[in-house]
């Protein structure tokens, strides 16, 4: 079981790292886009067409691609004052249950985001200025949230293994 968890965690971490690097590239792109848009607007009275749309779409990629890495390193807000005082096994069982709950909710959410992408693709929804199709960005959001769910799954499995190990 430990070997399975270890291999699953390695695979998910590779995908998570790739998404993190993509998010970094998108962040740099959005930063440069906004900078050049402001310069063009201020000095030349010529803003970049679609910069607002590209910023919105880039922000969506940033948010969904960084959920998983944030969860992996426990950089989100957590209140653990009650759980931290519990015995080792009880603490890991509670943490494991929380991680499994997160996994189920986020996996469910990922599935529905993917279904929304399919519906959006069928309706040919595009952005207003650049006429970019919206569904690829919704699919990207689904992928990012699914990787987040897998991070929660592996974390939950590790907590359950720690709960049954002899200390």
C-alpha atoms as a PDB file:
ATOM      1  CA  UNK A   1       0.000   0.000   0.000  1.00  0.00           C
ATOM      2  CA  UNK A   2       2.824   2.396   0.860  1.00  0.00           C
ATOM      3  CA  UNK A   3       4.448   1.740  -2.517  1.00  0.00           C
ATOM      4  CA  UNK A   4       1.178   2.535  -4.328  1.00  0.00           C
ATOM      5  CA  UNK A   5       0.742   5.750  -2.358  1.00  0.00           C
ATOM      6  CA  UNK A   6       4.354   6.716  -3.007  1.00  0.00           C
ATOM      7  CA  UNK A   7       4.075   6.154  -6.766  1.00  0.00           C
ATOM      8  CA  UNK A   8       0.735   7.943  -6.963  1.00  0.00           C
ATOM      9  CA  UNK A   9       2.181  10.857  -5.027  1.00  0.00           C
ATOM     10  CA  UNK A  10       5.240  11.021  -7.309  1.00  0.00           C
ATOM     11  CA  UNK A  11       3.067  11.067 -10.444  1.00  0.00           C
ATOM     12  CA  UNK A  12       0.712  13.693  -9.039  1.00  0.00           C
ATOM     13  CA  UNK A  13       3.653  15.813  -7.879  1.00  0.00           C
ATOM     14  CA  UNK A  14       5.157  15.796 -11.392  1.00  0.00           C
ATOM     15  CA  UNK A  15       1.856  16.982 -12.885  1.00  0.00           C
ATOM     16  CA  UNK A  16       1.480  19.504 -10.062  1.00  0.00           C
ATOM     17  CA  UNK A  17       4.952  20.895 -10.725  1.00  0.00           C
ATOM     18  CA  UNK A  18       4.198  21.221 -14.449  1.00  0.00           C
ATOM     19  CA  UNK A  19       0.980  23.111 -13.673  1.00  0.00           C
ATOM     20  CA  UNK A  20       2.898  25.316 -11.249  1.00  0.00           C
ATOM     21  CA  UNK A  21       5.455  26.222 -13.933  1.00  0.00           C
ATOM     22  CA  UNK A  22       2.674  26.938 -16.431  1.00  0.00           C
ATOM     23  CA  UNK A  23       1.025  29.202 -13.837  1.00  0.00           C
ATOM     24  CA  UNK A  24       4.327  31.040 -13.384  1.00  0.00           C
ATOM     25  CA  UNK A  25       4.606  31.600 -17.145  1.00  0.00           C
ATOM     26  CA  UNK A  26       0.992  32.804 -17.311  1.00  0.00           C
ATOM     27  CA  UNK A  27       1.637  35.164 -14.396  1.00  0.00           C
ATOM     28  CA  UNK A  28       4.613  36.683 -16.229  1.00  0.00           C
ATOM     29  CA  UNK A  29       2.536  36.987 -19.404  1.00  0.00           C
ATOM     30  CA  UNK A  30      -0.328  38.726 -17.584  1.00  0.00           C
ATOM     31  CA  UNK A  31       2.115  41.013 -15.788  1.00  0.00           C
ATOM     32  CA  UNK A  32       3.773  42.041 -19.071  1.00  0.00           C
ATOM     33  CA  UNK A  33       0.406  42.382 -20.808  1.00  0.00           C
ATOM     34  CA  UNK A  34      -0.914  44.741 -18.150  1.00  0.00           C
ATOM     35  CA  UNK A  35       2.342  46.717 -18.146  1.00  0.00           C
ATOM     36  CA  UNK A  36       2.357  47.204 -21.920  1.00  0.00           C
ATOM     37  CA  UNK A  37      -1.369  47.932 -21.926  1.00  0.00           C
ATOM     38  CA  UNK A  38      -0.898  50.723 -19.374  1.00  0.00           C
ATOM     39  CA  UNK A  39       2.120  52.106 -21.267  1.00  0.00           C
ATOM     40  CA  UNK A  40       0.216  52.008 -24.558  1.00  0.00           C
ATOM     41  CA  UNK A  41      -2.854  53.586 -23.012  1.00  0.00           C
ATOM     42  CA  UNK A  42      -0.944  56.334 -21.194  1.00  0.00           C
ATOM     43  CA  UNK A  43       1.749  57.319 -23.700  1.00  0.00           C
ATOM     44  CA  UNK A  44       0.194  56.468 -27.073  1.00  0.00           C
ATOM     45  CA  UNK A  45      -3.539  56.511 -26.272  1.00  0.00           C
ATOM     46  CA  UNK A  46      -3.620  53.014 -27.812  1.00  0.00           C
ATOM     47  CA  UNK A  47      -4.499  50.213 -25.354  1.00  0.00           C
ATOM     48  CA  UNK A  48      -3.950  46.563 -26.250  1.00  0.00           C
ATOM     49  CA  UNK A  49      -7.176  45.119 -27.621  1.00  0.00           C
ATOM     50  CA  UNK A  50      -8.486  42.301 -25.452  1.00  0.00           C
ATOM     51  CA  UNK A  51      -6.072  42.882 -22.590  1.00  0.00           C
ATOM     52  CA  UNK A  52      -8.915  42.762 -20.060  1.00  0.00           C
ATOM     53  CA  UNK A  53     -10.159  39.426 -21.455  1.00  0.00           C
ATOM     54  CA  UNK A  54      -6.671  37.939 -21.522  1.00  0.00           C
ATOM     55  CA  UNK A  55      -6.116  39.089 -17.940  1.00  0.00           C
ATOM     56  CA  UNK A  56      -9.373  37.422 -16.860  1.00  0.00           C
ATOM     57  CA  UNK A  57      -8.552  34.164 -18.634  1.00  0.00           C
ATOM     58  CA  UNK A  58      -4.979  34.213 -17.343  1.00  0.00           C
ATOM     59  CA  UNK A  59      -6.245  34.776 -13.811  1.00  0.00           C
ATOM     60  CA  UNK A  60      -8.486  31.726 -14.117  1.00  0.00           C
ATOM     61  CA  UNK A  61      -5.492  29.625 -15.145  1.00  0.00           C
ATOM     62  CA  UNK A  62      -3.458  31.038 -12.254  1.00  0.00           C
ATOM     63  CA  UNK A  63      -6.102  30.280  -9.663  1.00  0.00           C
ATOM     64  CA  UNK A  64      -6.894  26.734 -10.739  1.00  0.00           C
ATOM     65  CA  UNK A  65      -3.284  25.739 -11.445  1.00  0.00           C
ATOM     66  CA  UNK A  66      -2.072  26.943  -8.047  1.00  0.00           C
ATOM     67  CA  UNK A  67      -4.753  25.357  -5.824  1.00  0.00           C
ATOM     68  CA  UNK A  68      -2.951  22.007  -5.835  1.00  0.00           C
ATOM     69  CA  UNK A  69       0.524  23.319  -5.021  1.00  0.00           C
ATOM     70  CA  UNK A  70      -0.932  25.489  -2.257  1.00  0.00           C
ATOM     71  CA  UNK A  71      -2.683  22.466  -0.757  1.00  0.00           C
ATOM     72  CA  UNK A  72       0.405  20.276  -1.089  1.00  0.00           C
ATOM     73  CA  UNK A  73       2.535  22.674   0.952  1.00  0.00           C
ATOM     74  CA  UNK A  74      -0.325  23.511   3.375  1.00  0.00           C
ATOM     75  CA  UNK A  75      -0.061  27.211   2.535  1.00  0.00           C
ATOM     76  CA  UNK A  76      -3.797  27.815   2.829  1.00  0.00           C
ATOM     77  CA  UNK A  77      -5.603  28.985   5.926  1.00  0.00           C
ATOM     78  CA  UNK A  78      -6.193  26.169   8.404  1.00  0.00           C
ATOM     79  CA  UNK A  79      -7.372  26.171  11.986  1.00  0.00           C
ATOM     80  CA  UNK A  80      -5.811  23.246  13.770  1.00  0.00           C
ATOM     81  CA  UNK A  81      -5.769  24.255  17.418  1.00  0.00           C
ATOM     82  CA  UNK A  82      -8.181  21.455  18.411  1.00  0.00           C
ATOM     83  CA  UNK A  83      -6.775  18.730  16.166  1.00  0.00           C
ATOM     84  CA  UNK A  84      -3.144  19.497  17.048  1.00  0.00           C
ATOM     85  CA  UNK A  85      -3.753  18.634  20.721  1.00  0.00           C
ATOM     86  CA  UNK A  86      -5.236  15.197  19.982  1.00  0.00           C
ATOM     87  CA  UNK A  87      -3.340  11.906  20.149  1.00  0.00           C
ATOM     88  CA  UNK A  88      -1.273  10.881  17.107  1.00  0.00           C
ATOM     89  CA  UNK A  89      -3.727   8.321  15.685  1.00  0.00           C
ATOM     90  CA  UNK A  90      -6.847  10.381  16.258  1.00  0.00           C
ATOM     91  CA  UNK A  91      -5.191  13.416  14.688  1.00  0.00           C
ATOM     92  CA  UNK A  92      -4.204  11.469  11.562  1.00  0.00           C
ATOM     93  CA  UNK A  93      -7.646   9.857  11.272  1.00  0.00           C
ATOM     94  CA  UNK A  94      -9.340  13.266  11.464  1.00  0.00           C
ATOM     95  CA  UNK A  95      -6.853  14.796   9.001  1.00  0.00           C
ATOM     96  CA  UNK A  96      -7.341  11.814   6.680  1.00  0.00           C
ATOM     97  CA  UNK A  97     -11.131  12.191   6.805  1.00  0.00           C
ATOM     98  CA  UNK A  98     -10.837  15.905   6.067  1.00  0.00           C
ATOM     99  CA  UNK A  99      -8.551  15.190   3.099  1.00  0.00           C
ATOM    100  CA  UNK A 100     -10.955  12.551   1.772  1.00  0.00           C
ATOM    101  CA  UNK A 101     -13.841  14.988   2.109  1.00  0.00           C
ATOM    102  CA  UNK A 102     -11.826  17.577   0.185  1.00  0.00           C
ATOM    103  CA  UNK A 103     -11.043  14.942  -2.453  1.00  0.00           C
ATOM    104  CA  UNK A 104     -14.707  14.011  -2.933  1.00  0.00           C
ATOM    105  CA  UNK A 105     -15.926  17.618  -3.094  1.00  0.00           C
ATOM    106  CA  UNK A 106     -13.188  18.806  -5.464  1.00  0.00           C
ATOM    107  CA  UNK A 107     -13.456  15.718  -7.704  1.00  0.00           C
ATOM    108  CA  UNK A 108     -17.218  16.325  -7.917  1.00  0.00           C
ATOM    109  CA  UNK A 109     -16.557  19.970  -8.706  1.00  0.00           C
ATOM    110  CA  UNK A 110     -13.994  19.007 -11.389  1.00  0.00           C
ATOM    111  CA  UNK A 111     -16.509  16.736 -13.060  1.00  0.00           C
ATOM    112  CA  UNK A 112     -19.120  19.480 -13.176  1.00  0.00           C
ATOM    113  CA  UNK A 113     -16.608  22.023 -14.460  1.00  0.00           C
ATOM    114  CA  UNK A 114     -15.743  19.597 -17.265  1.00  0.00           C
ATOM    115  CA  UNK A 115     -19.449  19.155 -18.058  1.00  0.00           C
ATOM    116  CA  UNK A 116     -19.795  22.939 -18.191  1.00  0.00           C
ATOM    117  CA  UNK A 117     -16.880  23.072 -20.646  1.00  0.00           C
ATOM    118  CA  UNK A 118     -18.638  20.547 -22.879  1.00  0.00           C
ATOM    119  CA  UNK A 119     -21.880  22.557 -22.758  1.00  0.00           C
ATOM    120  CA  UNK A 120     -19.963  25.773 -23.481  1.00  0.00           C
ATOM    121  CA  UNK A 121     -18.213  24.120 -26.411  1.00  0.00           C
ATOM    122  CA  UNK A 122     -21.576  23.049 -27.821  1.00  0.00           C
ATOM    123  CA  UNK A 123     -22.881  26.608 -27.628  1.00  0.00           C
ATOM    124  CA  UNK A 124     -19.736  28.091 -29.235  1.00  0.00           C
ATOM    125  CA  UNK A 125     -19.345  30.661 -26.452  1.00  0.00           C
ATOM    126  CA  UNK A 126     -16.545  33.147 -27.164  1.00  0.00           C
ATOM    127  CA  UNK A 127     -15.084  36.227 -25.519  1.00  0.00           C
ATOM    128  CA  UNK A 128     -16.492  39.553 -26.678  1.00  0.00           C
ATOM    129  CA  UNK A 129     -13.378  41.417 -27.898  1.00  0.00           C
ATOM    130  CA  UNK A 130     -11.081  38.707 -29.236  1.00  0.00           C
ATOM    131  CA  UNK A 131     -13.705  36.034 -29.997  1.00  0.00           C
ATOM    132  CA  UNK A 132     -11.615  33.402 -28.217  1.00  0.00           C
ATOM    133  CA  UNK A 133     -13.488  30.187 -27.423  1.00  0.00           C
ATOM    134  CA  UNK A 134     -14.110  29.949 -23.687  1.00  0.00           C
ATOM    135  CA  UNK A 135     -14.301  26.157 -23.317  1.00  0.00           C
ATOM    136  CA  UNK A 136     -10.513  25.487 -23.395  1.00  0.00           C
ATOM    137  CA  UNK A 137     -10.092  27.685 -20.337  1.00  0.00           C
ATOM    138  CA  UNK A 138     -12.915  25.880 -18.546  1.00  0.00           C
ATOM    139  CA  UNK A 139     -11.244  22.550 -19.382  1.00  0.00           C
ATOM    140  CA  UNK A 140      -8.006  23.961 -17.957  1.00  0.00           C
ATOM    141  CA  UNK A 141      -9.887  24.856 -14.761  1.00  0.00           C
ATOM    142  CA  UNK A 142     -11.226  21.301 -14.593  1.00  0.00           C
ATOM    143  CA  UNK A 143      -7.726  19.849 -14.970  1.00  0.00           C
ATOM    144  CA  UNK A 144      -6.335  22.122 -12.267  1.00  0.00           C
ATOM    145  CA  UNK A 145      -9.092  21.254  -9.823  1.00  0.00           C
ATOM    146  CA  UNK A 146      -8.734  17.521 -10.570  1.00  0.00           C
ATOM    147  CA  UNK A 147      -5.015  17.671  -9.749  1.00  0.00           C
ATOM    148  CA  UNK A 148      -5.997  19.457  -6.526  1.00  0.00           C
ATOM    149  CA  UNK A 149      -8.352  16.550  -5.771  1.00  0.00           C
ATOM    150  CA  UNK A 150      -5.547  14.046  -6.400  1.00  0.00           C
ATOM    151  CA  UNK A 151      -3.244  15.954  -4.034  1.00  0.00           C
ATOM    152  CA  UNK A 152      -5.949  15.729  -1.351  1.00  0.00           C
ATOM    153  CA  UNK A 153      -6.387  12.000  -2.084  1.00  0.00           C
ATOM    154  CA  UNK A 154      -2.690  11.230  -1.651  1.00  0.00           C
ATOM    155  CA  UNK A 155      -2.508  13.369   1.474  1.00  0.00           C
ATOM    156  CA  UNK A 156      -5.514  11.560   2.945  1.00  0.00           C
ATOM    157  CA  UNK A 157      -4.023   8.159   2.163  1.00  0.00           C
ATOM    158  CA  UNK A 158      -0.765   9.162   3.857  1.00  0.00           C
ATOM    159  CA  UNK A 159      -2.659  10.294   6.966  1.00  0.00           C
ATOM    160  CA  UNK A 160      -4.528   6.979   7.172  1.00  0.00           C
ATOM    161  CA  UNK A 161      -1.275   5.035   6.803  1.00  0.00           C
ATOM    162  CA  UNK A 162       0.272   7.117   9.599  1.00  0.00           C
ATOM    163  CA  UNK A 163      -2.795   6.448  11.760  1.00  0.00           C
ATOM    164  CA  UNK A 164      -2.385   2.668  11.554  1.00  0.00           C
ATOM    165  CA  UNK A 165       1.428   2.603  11.828  1.00  0.00           C
ATOM    166  CA  UNK A 166       2.921   1.658  15.142  1.00  0.00           C
ATOM    167  CA  UNK A 167       4.606   4.583  16.837  1.00  0.00           C
END
